[in-house]
Amino acid sequence: MAPFVLPAALFFGIGTFPGIVLGHAACDQANRPGFKMVEQEMVEAGEAFGASRLAVLFLIKLPLAFRSITAGVNQCVMMSLSMVIIAS
């Protein structure tokens, strides 16, 4: 996330659009580890029983990664608030 902030600020300038882009990048980086923590055996078991990709996502990955994702969203909100304070 940090290497992306300076080039984005230089390329887009300061304003609403860069804030949206950086906020989206921050939330994406905060939630990515949650999905990686899901055990591969669980996903393979769902696929072995014939679950589609969307079924694996909504019925296996999201419930197992829910706590980590909520912690990531919390950290994303805190980081966004700190970026707003620094920008103001």
PDB file of N, CA and C in Angstrom:
ATOM      1  N   MET A   1       0.819  -1.195   0.000  1.00  0.00           N
ATOM      2  CA  MET A   1       0.000   0.000   0.000  1.00  0.00           C
ATOM      3  C   MET A   1       0.858   1.251   0.000  1.00  0.00           C
ATOM      4  N   ALA A   2       1.869   1.290   0.851  1.00  0.00           N
ATOM      5  CA  ALA A   2       2.667   2.500   0.981  1.00  0.00           C
ATOM      6  C   ALA A   2       3.383   2.893  -0.306  1.00  0.00           C
ATOM      7  N   PRO A   3       3.946   1.955  -1.097  1.00  0.00           N
ATOM      8  CA  PRO A   3       4.595   2.394  -2.341  1.00  0.00           C
ATOM      9  C   PRO A   3       3.604   2.951  -3.361  1.00  0.00           C
ATOM     10  N   PHE A   4       2.324   2.656  -3.202  1.00  0.00           N
ATOM     11  CA  PHE A   4       1.312   3.113  -4.147  1.00  0.00           C
ATOM     12  C   PHE A   4       0.849   4.535  -3.856  1.00  0.00           C
ATOM     13  N   VAL A   5       1.008   4.998  -2.623  1.00  0.00           N
ATOM     14  CA  VAL A   5       0.443   6.285  -2.215  1.00  0.00           C
ATOM     15  C   VAL A   5       1.128   7.456  -2.904  1.00  0.00           C
ATOM     16  N   LEU A   6       2.432   7.502  -2.869  1.00  0.00           N
ATOM     17  CA  LEU A   6       3.139   8.652  -3.439  1.00  0.00           C
ATOM     18  C   LEU A   6       2.962   8.765  -4.953  1.00  0.00           C
ATOM     19  N   PRO A   7       3.135   7.677  -5.740  1.00  0.00           N
ATOM     20  CA  PRO A   7       2.896   7.832  -7.182  1.00  0.00           C
ATOM     21  C   PRO A   7       1.457   8.202  -7.513  1.00  0.00           C
ATOM     22  N   ALA A   8       0.501   7.691  -6.759  1.00  0.00           N
ATOM     23  CA  ALA A   8      -0.901   8.041  -7.025  1.00  0.00           C
ATOM     24  C   ALA A   8      -1.148   9.507  -6.712  1.00  0.00           C
ATOM     25  N   ALA A   9      -0.577   9.999  -5.641  1.00  0.00           N
ATOM     26  CA  ALA A   9      -0.755  11.411  -5.297  1.00  0.00           C
ATOM     27  C   ALA A   9      -0.086  12.312  -6.327  1.00  0.00           C
ATOM     28  N   LEU A  10       1.068  11.907  -6.847  1.00  0.00           N
ATOM     29  CA  LEU A  10       1.742  12.706  -7.862  1.00  0.00           C
ATOM     30  C   LEU A  10       1.015  12.644  -9.201  1.00  0.00           C
ATOM     31  N   PHE A  11       0.485  11.477  -9.540  1.00  0.00           N
ATOM     32  CA  PHE A  11      -0.165  11.304 -10.835  1.00  0.00           C
ATOM     33  C   PHE A  11      -1.552  11.938 -10.869  1.00  0.00           C
ATOM     34  N   PHE A  12      -2.357  11.697  -9.826  1.00  0.00           N
ATOM     35  CA  PHE A  12      -3.737  12.185  -9.807  1.00  0.00           C
ATOM     36  C   PHE A  12      -3.889  13.543  -9.139  1.00  0.00           C
ATOM     37  N   GLY A  13      -2.933  13.954  -8.322  1.00  0.00           N
ATOM     38  CA  GLY A  13      -3.075  15.191  -7.573  1.00  0.00           C
ATOM     39  C   GLY A  13      -3.813  14.933  -6.264  1.00  0.00           C
ATOM     40  N   ILE A  14      -4.294  15.992  -5.648  1.00  0.00           N
ATOM     41  CA  ILE A  14      -5.023  15.881  -4.388  1.00  0.00           C
ATOM     42  C   ILE A  14      -6.480  16.223  -4.673  1.00  0.00           C
ATOM     43  N   GLY A  15      -7.371  15.367  -4.238  1.00  0.00           N
ATOM     44  CA  GLY A  15      -8.781  15.621  -4.472  1.00  0.00           C
ATOM     45  C   GLY A  15      -9.633  14.403  -4.166  1.00  0.00           C
ATOM     46  N   THR A  16     -10.834  14.403  -4.714  1.00  0.00           N
ATOM     47  CA  THR A  16     -11.800  13.341  -4.424  1.00  0.00           C
ATOM     48  C   THR A  16     -11.424  12.029  -5.094  1.00  0.00           C
ATOM     49  N   PHE A  17     -11.115  12.072  -6.384  1.00  0.00           N
ATOM     50  CA  PHE A  17     -10.814  10.839  -7.103  1.00  0.00           C
ATOM     51  C   PHE A  17      -9.613  10.095  -6.523  1.00  0.00           C
ATOM     52  N   PRO A  18      -8.492  10.751  -6.245  1.00  0.00           N
ATOM     53  CA  PRO A  18      -7.381  10.027  -5.621  1.00  0.00           C
ATOM     54  C   PRO A  18      -7.744   9.460  -4.250  1.00  0.00           C
ATOM     55  N   GLY A  19      -8.594  10.176  -3.515  1.00  0.00           N
ATOM     56  CA  GLY A  19      -9.035   9.647  -2.221  1.00  0.00           C
ATOM     57  C   GLY A  19      -9.828   8.361  -2.376  1.00  0.00           C
ATOM     58  N   ILE A  20     -10.673   8.312  -3.405  1.00  0.00           N
ATOM     59  CA  ILE A  20     -11.451   7.100  -3.656  1.00  0.00           C
ATOM     60  C   ILE A  20     -10.534   5.960  -4.077  1.00  0.00           C
ATOM     61  N   VAL A  21      -9.587   6.249  -4.966  1.00  0.00           N
ATOM     62  CA  VAL A  21      -8.665   5.214  -5.441  1.00  0.00           C
ATOM     63  C   VAL A  21      -7.824   4.675  -4.289  1.00  0.00           C
ATOM     64  N   LEU A  22      -7.270   5.572  -3.483  1.00  0.00           N
ATOM     65  CA  LEU A  22      -6.437   5.129  -2.368  1.00  0.00           C
ATOM     66  C   LEU A  22      -7.251   4.417  -1.291  1.00  0.00           C
ATOM     67  N   GLY A  23      -8.493   4.863  -1.070  1.00  0.00           N
ATOM     68  CA  GLY A  23      -9.352   4.170  -0.109  1.00  0.00           C
ATOM     69  C   GLY A  23      -9.692   2.766  -0.574  1.00  0.00           C
ATOM     70  N   HIS A  24      -9.969   2.625  -1.862  1.00  0.00           N
ATOM     71  CA  HIS A  24     -10.255   1.297  -2.404  1.00  0.00           C
ATOM     72  C   HIS A  24      -9.033   0.396  -2.283  1.00  0.00           C
ATOM     73  N   ALA A  25      -7.856   0.929  -2.599  1.00  0.00           N
ATOM     74  CA  ALA A  25      -6.628   0.143  -2.492  1.00  0.00           C
ATOM     75  C   ALA A  25      -6.365  -0.271  -1.051  1.00  0.00           C
ATOM     76  N   ALA A  26      -6.650   0.620  -0.115  1.00  0.00           N
ATOM     77  CA  ALA A  26      -6.436   0.305   1.299  1.00  0.00           C
ATOM     78  C   ALA A  26      -7.371  -0.807   1.754  1.00  0.00           C
ATOM     79  N   CYS A  27      -8.644  -0.738   1.360  1.00  0.00           N
ATOM     80  CA  CYS A  27      -9.596  -1.783   1.748  1.00  0.00           C
ATOM     81  C   CYS A  27      -9.259  -3.106   1.088  1.00  0.00           C
ATOM     82  N   ASP A  28      -8.789  -3.071  -0.151  1.00  0.00           N
ATOM     83  CA  ASP A  28      -8.402  -4.294  -0.834  1.00  0.00           C
ATOM     84  C   ASP A  28      -7.222  -4.944  -0.124  1.00  0.00           C
ATOM     85  N   GLN A  29      -6.232  -4.147   0.238  1.00  0.00           N
ATOM     86  CA  GLN A  29      -5.074  -4.677   0.948  1.00  0.00           C
ATOM     87  C   GLN A  29      -5.448  -5.176   2.338  1.00  0.00           C
ATOM     88  N   ALA A  30      -6.456  -4.573   2.951  1.00  0.00           N
ATOM     89  CA  ALA A  30      -6.859  -4.994   4.292  1.00  0.00           C
ATOM     90  C   ALA A  30      -7.621  -6.314   4.258  1.00  0.00           C
ATOM     91  N   ASN A  31      -8.355  -6.588   3.172  1.00  0.00           N
ATOM     92  CA  ASN A  31      -9.190  -7.791   3.120  1.00  0.00           C
ATOM     93  C   ASN A  31      -8.509  -8.973   2.453  1.00  0.00           C
ATOM     94  N   ARG A  32      -7.452  -8.754   1.712  1.00  0.00           N
ATOM     95  CA  ARG A  32      -6.794  -9.834   0.997  1.00  0.00           C
ATOM     96  C   ARG A  32      -6.288 -10.951   1.921  1.00  0.00           C
ATOM     97  N   PRO A  33      -5.659 -10.650   3.058  1.00  0.00           N
ATOM     98  CA  PRO A  33      -5.187 -11.739   3.920  1.00  0.00           C
ATOM     99  C   PRO A  33      -6.311 -12.609   4.467  1.00  0.00           C
ATOM    100  N   GLY A  34      -7.509 -12.060   4.615  1.00  0.00           N
ATOM    101  CA  GLY A  34      -8.630 -12.857   5.108  1.00  0.00           C
ATOM    102  C   GLY A  34      -8.958 -14.020   4.200  1.00  0.00           C
ATOM    103  N   PHE A  35      -8.948 -13.776   2.900  1.00  0.00           N
ATOM    104  CA  PHE A  35      -9.238 -14.859   1.959  1.00  0.00           C
ATOM    105  C   PHE A  35      -8.083 -15.835   1.849  1.00  0.00           C
ATOM    106  N   LYS A  36      -6.865 -15.359   2.056  1.00  0.00           N
ATOM    107  CA  LYS A  36      -5.714 -16.256   1.981  1.00  0.00           C
ATOM    108  C   LYS A  36      -5.625 -17.171   3.195  1.00  0.00           C
ATOM    109  N   MET A  37      -6.268 -16.784   4.303  1.00  0.00           N
ATOM    110  CA  MET A  37      -6.229 -17.611   5.508  1.00  0.00           C
ATOM    111  C   MET A  37      -7.162 -18.810   5.429  1.00  0.00           C
ATOM    112  N   VAL A  38      -8.080 -18.827   4.480  1.00  0.00           N
ATOM    113  CA  VAL A  38      -9.001 -19.959   4.338  1.00  0.00           C
ATOM    114  C   VAL A  38      -8.196 -21.175   3.905  1.00  0.00           C
ATOM    115  N   GLU A  39      -8.419 -22.280   4.601  1.00  0.00           N
ATOM    116  CA  GLU A  39      -7.662 -23.486   4.304  1.00  0.00           C
ATOM    117  C   GLU A  39      -8.027 -24.020   2.928  1.00  0.00           C
ATOM    118  N   GLN A  40      -7.012 -24.408   2.184  1.00  0.00           N
ATOM    119  CA  GLN A  40      -7.215 -24.900   0.829  1.00  0.00           C
ATOM    120  C   GLN A  40      -8.022 -26.199   0.813  1.00  0.00           C
ATOM    121  N   GLU A  41      -7.930 -26.986   1.881  1.00  0.00           N
ATOM    122  CA  GLU A  41      -8.693 -28.234   1.947  1.00  0.00           C
ATOM    123  C   GLU A  41     -10.201 -27.979   1.923  1.00  0.00           C
ATOM    124  N   MET A  42     -10.623 -26.885   2.563  1.00  0.00           N
ATOM    125  CA  MET A  42     -12.043 -26.542   2.569  1.00  0.00           C
ATOM    126  C   MET A  42     -12.536 -26.196   1.163  1.00  0.00           C
ATOM    127  N   VAL A  43     -11.730 -25.426   0.454  1.00  0.00           N
ATOM    128  CA  VAL A  43     -12.094 -25.049  -0.912  1.00  0.00           C
ATOM    129  C   VAL A  43     -12.120 -26.284  -1.805  1.00  0.00           C
ATOM    130  N   GLU A  44     -11.120 -27.155  -1.661  1.00  0.00           N
ATOM    131  CA  GLU A  44     -11.073 -28.367  -2.464  1.00  0.00           C
ATOM    132  C   GLU A  44     -12.248 -29.286  -2.166  1.00  0.00           C
ATOM    133  N   ALA A  45     -12.668 -29.340  -0.901  1.00  0.00           N
ATOM    134  CA  ALA A  45     -13.822 -30.162  -0.557  1.00  0.00           C
ATOM    135  C   ALA A  45     -15.092 -29.626  -1.217  1.00  0.00           C
ATOM    136  N   GLY A  46     -15.268 -28.309  -1.215  1.00  0.00           N
ATOM    137  CA  GLY A  46     -16.417 -27.718  -1.884  1.00  0.00           C
ATOM    138  C   GLY A  46     -16.412 -27.985  -3.375  1.00  0.00           C
ATOM    139  N   GLU A  47     -15.232 -27.868  -3.992  1.00  0.00           N
ATOM    140  CA  GLU A  47     -15.134 -28.142  -5.425  1.00  0.00           C
ATOM    141  C   GLU A  47     -15.360 -29.618  -5.723  1.00  0.00           C
ATOM    142  N   ALA A  48     -14.930 -30.504  -4.807  1.00  0.00           N
ATOM    143  CA  ALA A  48     -15.128 -31.940  -5.010  1.00  0.00           C
ATOM    144  C   ALA A  48     -16.609 -32.308  -4.965  1.00  0.00           C
ATOM    145  N   PHE A  49     -17.392 -31.568  -4.192  1.00  0.00           N
ATOM    146  CA  PHE A  49     -18.829 -31.821  -4.122  1.00  0.00           C
ATOM    147  C   PHE A  49     -19.601 -31.097  -5.213  1.00  0.00           C
ATOM    148  N   GLY A  50     -18.901 -30.441  -6.120  1.00  0.00           N
ATOM    149  CA  GLY A  50     -19.548 -29.841  -7.277  1.00  0.00           C
ATOM    150  C   GLY A  50     -19.999 -28.408  -7.105  1.00  0.00           C
ATOM    151  N   ALA A  51     -19.433 -27.689  -6.155  1.00  0.00           N
ATOM    152  CA  ALA A  51     -19.819 -26.297  -5.951  1.00  0.00           C
ATOM    153  C   ALA A  51     -19.209 -25.422  -7.044  1.00  0.00           C
ATOM    154  N   SER A  52     -19.971 -24.442  -7.490  1.00  0.00           N
ATOM    155  CA  SER A  52     -19.462 -23.504  -8.489  1.00  0.00           C
ATOM    156  C   SER A  52     -18.512 -22.520  -7.818  1.00  0.00           C
ATOM    157  N   ARG A  53     -17.875 -21.674  -8.636  1.00  0.00           N
ATOM    158  CA  ARG A  53     -16.942 -20.695  -8.076  1.00  0.00           C
ATOM    159  C   ARG A  53     -17.650 -19.707  -7.161  1.00  0.00           C
ATOM    160  N   LEU A  54     -18.860 -19.291  -7.538  1.00  0.00           N
ATOM    161  CA  LEU A  54     -19.610 -18.368  -6.677  1.00  0.00           C
ATOM    162  C   LEU A  54     -20.058 -19.048  -5.386  1.00  0.00           C
ATOM    163  N   ALA A  55     -20.439 -20.321  -5.474  1.00  0.00           N
ATOM    164  CA  ALA A  55     -20.835 -21.053  -4.272  1.00  0.00           C
ATOM    165  C   ALA A  55     -19.652 -21.216  -3.331  1.00  0.00           C
ATOM    166  N   VAL A  56     -18.474 -21.491  -3.881  1.00  0.00           N
ATOM    167  CA  VAL A  56     -17.281 -21.604  -3.045  1.00  0.00           C
ATOM    168  C   VAL A  56     -16.992 -20.265  -2.368  1.00  0.00           C
ATOM    169  N   LEU A  57     -17.157 -19.180  -3.120  1.00  0.00           N
ATOM    170  CA  LEU A  57     -16.887 -17.862  -2.542  1.00  0.00           C
ATOM    171  C   LEU A  57     -17.868 -17.527  -1.431  1.00  0.00           C
ATOM    172  N   PHE A  58     -19.178 -17.650  -1.720  1.00  0.00           N
ATOM    173  CA  PHE A  58     -20.189 -17.198  -0.763  1.00  0.00           C
ATOM    174  C   PHE A  58     -20.483 -18.198   0.355  1.00  0.00           C
ATOM    175  N   LEU A  59     -20.289 -19.478   0.117  1.00  0.00           N
ATOM    176  CA  LEU A  59     -20.646 -20.474   1.126  1.00  0.00           C
ATOM    177  C   LEU A  59     -19.453 -21.048   1.874  1.00  0.00           C
ATOM    178  N   ILE A  60     -18.249 -20.860   1.356  1.00  0.00           N
ATOM    179  CA  ILE A  60     -17.074 -21.416   2.031  1.00  0.00           C
ATOM    180  C   ILE A  60     -16.100 -20.309   2.439  1.00  0.00           C
ATOM    181  N   LYS A  61     -15.635 -19.530   1.457  1.00  0.00           N
ATOM    182  CA  LYS A  61     -14.586 -18.553   1.763  1.00  0.00           C
ATOM    183  C   LYS A  61     -15.075 -17.406   2.642  1.00  0.00           C
ATOM    184  N   LEU A  62     -16.215 -16.799   2.305  1.00  0.00           N
ATOM    185  CA  LEU A  62     -16.693 -15.655   3.093  1.00  0.00           C
ATOM    186  C   LEU A  62     -17.012 -16.016   4.543  1.00  0.00           C
ATOM    187  N   PRO A  63     -17.738 -17.103   4.812  1.00  0.00           N
ATOM    188  CA  PRO A  63     -17.985 -17.414   6.234  1.00  0.00           C
ATOM    189  C   PRO A  63     -16.720 -17.724   7.022  1.00  0.00           C
ATOM    190  N   LEU A  64     -15.746 -18.387   6.380  1.00  0.00           N
ATOM    191  CA  LEU A  64     -14.525 -18.724   7.108  1.00  0.00           C
ATOM    192  C   LEU A  64     -13.609 -17.512   7.302  1.00  0.00           C
ATOM    193  N   ALA A  65     -13.690 -16.540   6.422  1.00  0.00           N
ATOM    194  CA  ALA A  65     -12.815 -15.374   6.510  1.00  0.00           C
ATOM    195  C   ALA A  65     -13.518 -14.166   7.117  1.00  0.00           C
ATOM    196  N   PHE A  66     -14.728 -14.325   7.622  1.00  0.00           N
ATOM    197  CA  PHE A  66     -15.532 -13.193   8.073  1.00  0.00           C
ATOM    198  C   PHE A  66     -14.854 -12.381   9.164  1.00  0.00           C
ATOM    199  N   ARG A  67     -14.300 -13.041  10.175  1.00  0.00           N
ATOM    200  CA  ARG A  67     -13.674 -12.306  11.288  1.00  0.00           C
ATOM    201  C   ARG A  67     -12.460 -11.514  10.821  1.00  0.00           C
ATOM    202  N   SER A  68     -11.662 -12.118   9.967  1.00  0.00           N
ATOM    203  CA  SER A  68     -10.485 -11.412   9.465  1.00  0.00           C
ATOM    204  C   SER A  68     -10.888 -10.244   8.568  1.00  0.00           C
ATOM    205  N   ILE A  69     -11.936 -10.418   7.784  1.00  0.00           N
ATOM    206  CA  ILE A  69     -12.399  -9.339   6.903  1.00  0.00           C
ATOM    207  C   ILE A  69     -12.957  -8.186   7.725  1.00  0.00           C
ATOM    208  N   THR A  70     -13.704  -8.474   8.780  1.00  0.00           N
ATOM    209  CA  THR A  70     -14.232  -7.390   9.607  1.00  0.00           C
ATOM    210  C   THR A  70     -13.105  -6.627  10.297  1.00  0.00           C
ATOM    211  N   ALA A  71     -12.060  -7.334  10.726  1.00  0.00           N
ATOM    212  CA  ALA A  71     -10.899  -6.643  11.300  1.00  0.00           C
ATOM    213  C   ALA A  71     -10.213  -5.792  10.248  1.00  0.00           C
ATOM    214  N   GLY A  72     -10.136  -6.296   9.014  1.00  0.00           N
ATOM    215  CA  GLY A  72      -9.537  -5.522   7.933  1.00  0.00           C
ATOM    216  C   GLY A  72     -10.342  -4.287   7.600  1.00  0.00           C
ATOM    217  N   VAL A  73     -11.667  -4.399   7.601  1.00  0.00           N
ATOM    218  CA  VAL A  73     -12.520  -3.235   7.345  1.00  0.00           C
ATOM    219  C   VAL A  73     -12.352  -2.205   8.460  1.00  0.00           C
ATOM    220  N   ASN A  74     -12.245  -2.660   9.691  1.00  0.00           N
ATOM    221  CA  ASN A  74     -12.019  -1.758  10.816  1.00  0.00           C
ATOM    222  C   ASN A  74     -10.709  -0.997  10.619  1.00  0.00           C
ATOM    223  N   GLN A  75      -9.650  -1.693  10.253  1.00  0.00           N
ATOM    224  CA  GLN A  75      -8.364  -1.037  10.039  1.00  0.00           C
ATOM    225  C   GLN A  75      -8.420  -0.092   8.842  1.00  0.00           C
ATOM    226  N   CYS A  76      -9.194  -0.461   7.823  1.00  0.00           N
ATOM    227  CA  CYS A  76      -9.346   0.402   6.653  1.00  0.00           C
ATOM    228  C   CYS A  76     -10.035   1.709   7.031  1.00  0.00           C
ATOM    229  N   VAL A  77     -11.057   1.631   7.851  1.00  0.00           N
ATOM    230  CA  VAL A  77     -11.762   2.842   8.285  1.00  0.00           C
ATOM    231  C   VAL A  77     -10.834   3.716   9.121  1.00  0.00           C
ATOM    232  N   MET A  78     -10.073   3.097  10.014  1.00  0.00           N
ATOM    233  CA  MET A  78      -9.143   3.872  10.835  1.00  0.00           C
ATOM    234  C   MET A  78      -8.073   4.549   9.988  1.00  0.00           C
ATOM    235  N   MET A  79      -7.559   3.831   8.989  1.00  0.00           N
ATOM    236  CA  MET A  79      -6.549   4.417   8.130  1.00  0.00           C
ATOM    237  C   MET A  79      -7.143   5.541   7.270  1.00  0.00           C
ATOM    238  N   SER A  80      -8.370   5.363   6.804  1.00  0.00           N
ATOM    239  CA  SER A  80      -9.021   6.413   6.004  1.00  0.00           C
ATOM    240  C   SER A  80      -9.233   7.660   6.847  1.00  0.00           C
ATOM    241  N   LEU A  81      -9.650   7.496   8.095  1.00  0.00           N
ATOM    242  CA  LEU A  81      -9.830   8.656   8.969  1.00  0.00           C
ATOM    243  C   LEU A  81      -8.502   9.365   9.225  1.00  0.00           C
ATOM    244  N   SER A  82      -7.436   8.603   9.396  1.00  0.00           N
ATOM    245  CA  SER A  82      -6.136   9.249   9.622  1.00  0.00           C
ATOM    246  C   SER A  82      -5.673   9.965   8.351  1.00  0.00           C
ATOM    247  N   MET A  83      -5.967   9.405   7.165  1.00  0.00           N
ATOM    248  CA  MET A  83      -5.583  10.074   5.932  1.00  0.00           C
ATOM    249  C   MET A  83      -6.372  11.367   5.754  1.00  0.00           C
ATOM    250  N   VAL A  84      -7.624  11.377   6.162  1.00  0.00           N
ATOM    251  CA  VAL A  84      -8.434  12.597   6.077  1.00  0.00           C
ATOM    252  C   VAL A  84      -7.875  13.671   6.998  1.00  0.00           C
ATOM    253  N   ILE A  85      -7.475  13.275   8.184  1.00  0.00           N
ATOM    254  CA  ILE A  85      -6.930  14.249   9.140  1.00  0.00           C
ATOM    255  C   ILE A  85      -5.614  14.810   8.619  1.00  0.00           C
ATOM    256  N   ILE A  86      -4.761  13.936   8.066  1.00  0.00           N
ATOM    257  CA  ILE A  86      -3.486  14.415   7.527  1.00  0.00           C
ATOM    258  C   ILE A  86      -3.723  15.326   6.334  1.00  0.00           C
ATOM    259  N   ALA A  87      -4.687  14.976   5.462  1.00  0.00           N
ATOM    260  CA  ALA A  87      -4.932  15.772   4.268  1.00  0.00           C
ATOM    261  C   ALA A  87      -5.529  17.148   4.617  1.00  0.00           C
ATOM    262  N   SER A  88      -6.292  17.204   5.693  1.00  0.00           N
ATOM    263  CA  SER A  88      -6.893  18.487   6.037  1.00  0.00           C
ATOM    264  C   SER A  88      -5.876  19.387   6.724  1.00  0.00           C
TER     265      SER A  88
END
